[in-house]
Amino acid sequence: MKKELDYTINKINQTELFEDPYPFLEVNNIFSDNFYEDILKNKPKNKKHYKPLSKMYNDRFILELGYGENVNNSINKLNFDDKKQTSFWSEFQKIFIEDRSLSECLVKKYKNHIDTERSKKGKINCRLSKDLKGYSIGVHRDKRDKLFSCLFYLADDTSLDKKVNWGTQILVPKSQMHHTDKHHPYNNDGSHDLFDLYKIITYEPNKMFSWCITDKSYHGVPPITHKGVRDSIAYFMKSK
């Protein structure tokens, strides 16, 4: 799996960093074709080993691969019913999480926008997510204890309507506002009173969306109206 890590790092290094409205990356084919097939084959098909993210977000189910939301736990020990599945994700933990090569690559990519010294004290969390119909997360910028964040889409349905409905939005305030960590809910129809849509990072197979945390790094997911499961891997660095 080490060669797969090298492949992913090379893809990030070769991808242009967008600067507006805040630093972000959109990387297609972030994993090799064969490795992506292995990920899809080994991603859990049901929610047996998952738990709701919170009482507020009970349409998102997560399975921790890293050190927990506040990166203050031991790395999660995995124990699936399928031993091959356990072996796959345990090796993924070692290569993509415990080894700091991927996080250091992303720090270098965002070096002009984050405190690289602070990043040396940072720890990575990583988790599998399943989002169901009805899930939405209001527009927010992320708390400033986070340095960068990544979403790896694990799509196995390429229909156009789901690409858009299950995508992640980049947004900009309609007028000057006091920047806070508050989540600003969408209207029921997916519109927003405070923000304009800048870009949709469509939900497509083997795509990564990553962004650097700034005062203006607003993003969100409007209410999901399509049935199915929006599978992804969340990967982010925190440092107080």
Protein backbone atom coordinates (compact mmCIF):
# COMPACT_ATOMS: atom_id res chain seq x y z
CA MET A 1 0.00 0.00 0.00
CA LYS A 2 3.02 2.30 0.29
CA LYS A 3 3.08 2.71 -3.50
CA GLU A 4 -0.56 3.82 -3.29
CA LEU A 5 0.39 6.52 -0.81
CA ASP A 6 3.11 7.69 -3.20
CA TYR A 7 0.58 7.79 -6.05
CA THR A 8 -1.82 9.96 -4.01
CA ILE A 9 0.94 12.32 -2.89
CA ASN A 10 2.08 12.75 -6.50
CA LYS A 11 -1.49 13.56 -7.58
CA ILE A 12 -1.72 16.28 -4.93
CA ASN A 13 1.68 17.70 -5.83
CA GLN A 14 0.70 17.91 -9.50
CA THR A 15 -2.68 19.58 -8.88
CA GLU A 16 -3.15 23.34 -9.04
CA LEU A 17 -4.03 25.04 -5.76
CA PHE A 18 -6.98 27.39 -6.20
CA GLU A 19 -6.72 30.57 -4.14
CA ASP A 20 -10.26 32.02 -4.37
CA PRO A 21 -12.43 32.38 -2.43
CA TYR A 22 -10.01 30.50 -0.16
CA PRO A 23 -7.27 27.92 -0.79
CA PHE A 24 -8.70 24.59 -1.99
CA LEU A 25 -7.90 21.53 -4.10
CA GLU A 26 -10.14 19.49 -6.38
CA VAL A 27 -8.32 16.31 -7.40
CA ASN A 28 -9.76 13.70 -9.74
CA ASN A 29 -8.47 10.11 -9.62
CA ILE A 30 -6.89 10.75 -6.23
CA PHE A 31 -6.25 7.00 -5.85
CA SER A 32 -5.03 4.58 -8.51
CA ASP A 33 -7.85 2.75 -10.31
CA ASN A 34 -6.96 -0.59 -8.73
CA PHE A 35 -6.68 0.87 -5.23
CA TYR A 36 -9.98 2.69 -5.57
CA GLU A 37 -11.63 -0.60 -6.57
CA ASP A 38 -10.14 -2.15 -3.42
CA ILE A 39 -11.52 0.69 -1.29
CA LEU A 40 -15.02 0.23 -2.73
CA LYS A 41 -14.77 -3.52 -2.25
CA ASN A 42 -13.76 -3.12 1.39
CA LYS A 43 -15.97 -0.21 2.45
CA PRO A 44 -18.65 -1.50 4.85
CA LYS A 45 -21.95 -2.03 3.06
CA ASN A 46 -24.11 -1.37 6.12
CA LYS A 47 -23.99 0.74 9.30
CA LYS A 48 -23.19 -2.11 11.71
CA HIS A 49 -19.85 -0.65 12.84
CA TYR A 50 -20.89 2.99 12.47
CA LYS A 51 -22.43 5.41 14.96
CA PRO A 52 -24.41 8.65 14.48
CA LEU A 53 -22.13 11.69 14.31
CA SER A 54 -24.24 13.46 16.95
CA LYS A 55 -27.84 14.02 18.06
CA MET A 56 -27.95 17.00 15.70
CA TYR A 57 -26.59 15.05 12.74
CA ASN A 58 -28.39 11.74 13.04
CA ASP A 59 -28.43 11.27 9.25
CA ARG A 60 -24.61 11.00 9.19
CA PHE A 61 -23.00 7.81 10.46
CA ILE A 62 -19.27 7.57 11.07
CA LEU A 63 -16.64 4.91 11.68
CA GLU A 64 -13.45 6.26 13.22
CA LEU A 65 -10.18 5.28 11.58
CA GLY A 66 -8.01 7.85 13.36
CA TYR A 67 -7.61 9.50 16.74
CA GLY A 68 -11.14 10.83 17.31
CA GLU A 69 -12.83 14.17 16.66
CA ASN A 70 -10.47 16.03 19.01
CA VAL A 71 -7.45 13.83 18.12
CA ASN A 72 -6.92 12.95 21.78
CA ASN A 73 -7.61 9.21 21.64
CA SER A 74 -5.52 6.22 20.66
CA ILE A 75 -5.96 5.24 17.04
CA ASN A 76 -9.16 3.26 16.69
CA LYS A 77 -8.73 -0.51 16.72
CA LEU A 78 -10.75 -2.13 13.95
CA ASN A 79 -12.52 -5.46 14.12
CA PHE A 80 -14.82 -6.21 11.20
CA ASP A 81 -16.55 -9.54 10.69
CA ASP A 82 -14.51 -10.01 7.52
CA LYS A 83 -10.82 -10.49 8.37
CA LYS A 84 -9.73 -9.25 4.92
CA GLN A 85 -11.71 -6.05 5.50
CA THR A 86 -10.07 -5.59 8.90
CA SER A 87 -6.65 -6.16 7.37
CA PHE A 88 -7.28 -3.66 4.55
CA TRP A 89 -8.39 -0.78 6.78
CA SER A 90 -5.76 -1.53 9.43
CA GLU A 91 -3.07 -1.19 6.77
CA PHE A 92 -4.79 1.97 5.49
CA GLN A 93 -4.49 3.38 9.03
CA LYS A 94 -0.75 2.68 9.15
CA ILE A 95 0.07 4.03 5.69
CA PHE A 96 -2.33 6.98 5.31
CA ILE A 97 -2.81 8.09 8.94
CA GLU A 98 0.00 6.97 11.27
CA ASP A 99 2.63 7.67 8.61
CA ARG A 100 2.68 11.48 8.34
CA SER A 101 3.72 11.62 4.67
CA LEU A 102 0.25 12.51 3.38
CA SER A 103 -0.40 15.17 6.01
CA GLU A 104 3.06 16.69 5.43
CA CYS A 105 2.34 16.81 1.69
CA LEU A 106 -0.86 18.77 2.36
CA VAL A 107 0.86 21.11 4.83
CA LYS A 108 3.45 21.85 2.15
CA LYS A 109 0.69 22.51 -0.39
CA TYR A 110 -0.91 25.05 1.97
CA LYS A 111 2.36 26.43 3.32
CA ASN A 112 1.57 30.03 2.37
CA HIS A 113 -1.70 29.92 4.31
CA ILE A 114 -1.05 27.97 7.51
CA ASP A 115 1.44 28.00 10.37
CA THR A 116 3.79 25.17 9.42
CA GLU A 117 5.39 25.17 12.87
CA ARG A 118 2.00 24.67 14.45
CA SER A 119 1.33 21.82 12.05
CA LYS A 120 4.26 19.86 13.51
CA LYS A 121 2.18 19.46 16.67
CA GLY A 122 -0.92 18.54 14.70
CA LYS A 123 -2.58 15.13 14.65
CA ILE A 124 -4.72 13.56 11.98
CA ASN A 125 -8.19 12.25 12.31
CA CYS A 126 -9.80 10.15 9.63
CA ARG A 127 -13.17 8.46 9.44
CA LEU A 128 -15.53 6.70 7.09
CA SER A 129 -18.89 8.45 6.70
CA LYS A 130 -22.30 7.42 5.42
CA ASP A 131 -24.77 10.25 4.78
CA LEU A 132 -28.42 9.43 4.20
CA LYS A 133 -31.37 11.22 2.60
CA GLY A 134 -32.20 14.28 4.69
CA TYR A 135 -28.62 14.95 5.78
CA SER A 136 -27.42 18.54 5.59
CA ILE A 137 -24.68 20.51 7.28
CA GLY A 138 -25.09 24.26 7.46
CA VAL A 139 -22.60 26.64 5.93
CA HIS A 140 -19.55 26.97 8.19
CA ARG A 141 -15.83 27.68 7.98
CA ASP A 142 -14.53 25.01 10.46
CA LYS A 143 -13.08 25.80 13.86
CA ARG A 144 -9.62 27.29 13.89
CA ASP A 145 -8.12 24.34 15.79
CA LYS A 146 -8.30 22.62 12.39
CA LEU A 147 -5.56 23.38 9.85
CA PHE A 148 -6.90 21.66 6.75
CA SER A 149 -9.59 19.21 5.80
CA CYS A 150 -10.12 16.66 3.01
CA LEU A 151 -13.07 14.70 1.69
CA PHE A 152 -12.42 11.59 -0.40
CA TYR A 153 -15.60 10.69 -2.26
CA LEU A 154 -16.37 6.97 -2.43
CA ALA A 155 -19.06 7.16 -5.11
CA ASP A 156 -20.21 4.08 -6.97
CA ASP A 157 -23.16 5.84 -8.65
CA THR A 158 -22.32 8.37 -11.36
CA SER A 159 -25.80 9.73 -12.15
CA LEU A 160 -25.74 13.47 -12.74
CA ASP A 161 -28.46 14.32 -10.22
CA LYS A 162 -26.55 12.63 -7.39
CA LYS A 163 -23.27 14.23 -8.44
CA VAL A 164 -24.85 17.60 -7.71
CA ASN A 165 -27.22 16.75 -4.84
CA TRP A 166 -24.53 14.84 -2.94
CA GLY A 167 -21.78 17.35 -3.67
CA THR A 168 -20.13 19.83 -1.30
CA GLN A 169 -20.65 23.54 -1.83
CA ILE A 170 -18.11 26.35 -1.63
CA LEU A 171 -19.89 29.57 -0.64
CA VAL A 172 -19.15 33.25 -0.10
CA PRO A 173 -21.02 35.71 2.17
CA LYS A 174 -23.47 37.96 0.36
CA SER A 175 -22.33 40.89 2.48
CA GLN A 176 -19.56 41.59 4.96
CA MET A 177 -20.12 39.54 8.09
CA HIS A 178 -18.50 38.76 11.41
CA HIS A 179 -16.73 35.45 10.91
CA THR A 180 -17.64 32.86 13.53
CA ASP A 181 -17.65 29.08 13.89
CA LYS A 182 -21.45 29.03 13.75
CA HIS A 183 -23.22 26.70 11.32
CA HIS A 184 -25.72 28.62 9.17
CA PRO A 185 -28.59 26.28 8.13
CA TYR A 186 -29.85 26.11 4.56
CA ASN A 187 -33.42 26.84 3.56
CA ASN A 188 -35.49 23.75 2.85
CA ASP A 189 -35.06 24.25 -0.90
CA GLY A 190 -31.26 24.31 -0.61
CA SER A 191 -30.94 28.08 -1.00
CA HIS A 192 -29.27 30.33 1.54
CA ASP A 193 -30.11 33.83 2.75
CA LEU A 194 -26.58 34.77 3.83
CA PHE A 195 -24.35 33.12 1.22
CA ASP A 196 -23.96 32.88 -2.53
CA LEU A 197 -22.90 29.63 -4.17
CA TYR A 198 -19.39 29.86 -5.61
CA LYS A 199 -18.86 26.27 -6.77
CA ILE A 200 -20.18 22.75 -6.25
CA ILE A 201 -17.52 20.07 -5.81
CA THR A 202 -19.58 17.34 -7.41
CA TYR A 203 -19.78 13.92 -5.80
CA GLU A 204 -17.92 11.71 -8.26
CA PRO A 205 -15.94 8.48 -8.00
CA ASN A 206 -12.37 8.78 -6.75
CA LYS A 207 -12.38 12.57 -6.19
CA MET A 208 -10.82 14.55 -3.35
CA PHE A 209 -11.94 17.97 -2.16
CA SER A 210 -9.54 19.64 0.29
CA TRP A 211 -9.40 23.11 1.76
CA CYS A 212 -7.24 25.16 4.09
CA ILE A 213 -9.02 26.60 7.13
CA THR A 214 -9.29 30.38 6.98
CA ASP A 215 -11.74 33.04 8.16
CA LYS A 216 -13.53 32.64 4.83
CA SER A 217 -13.39 28.88 4.18
CA TYR A 218 -17.18 28.50 4.06
CA HIS A 219 -18.63 25.24 2.81
CA GLY A 220 -21.71 23.14 3.39
CA VAL A 221 -24.04 20.43 2.13
CA PRO A 222 -27.66 21.44 1.37
CA PRO A 223 -30.42 18.96 2.29
CA ILE A 224 -29.89 15.65 0.48
CA THR A 225 -33.08 14.77 -1.37
CA HIS A 226 -31.96 11.62 -3.20
CA LYS A 227 -32.19 8.18 -1.65
CA GLY A 228 -29.02 6.19 -1.21
CA VAL A 229 -25.81 6.43 0.77
CA ARG A 230 -23.24 9.19 0.31
CA ASP A 231 -20.01 7.38 1.26
CA SER A 232 -16.81 9.31 1.90
CA ILE A 233 -13.59 9.42 3.88
CA ALA A 234 -13.00 12.55 5.96
CA TYR A 235 -9.36 13.35 6.73
CA PHE A 236 -8.25 16.44 8.66
CA MET A 237 -5.49 17.85 10.85
CA LYS A 238 -6.09 19.52 14.20
CA SER A 239 -3.63 21.46 16.31
CA LYS A 240 -4.59 23.70 19.23
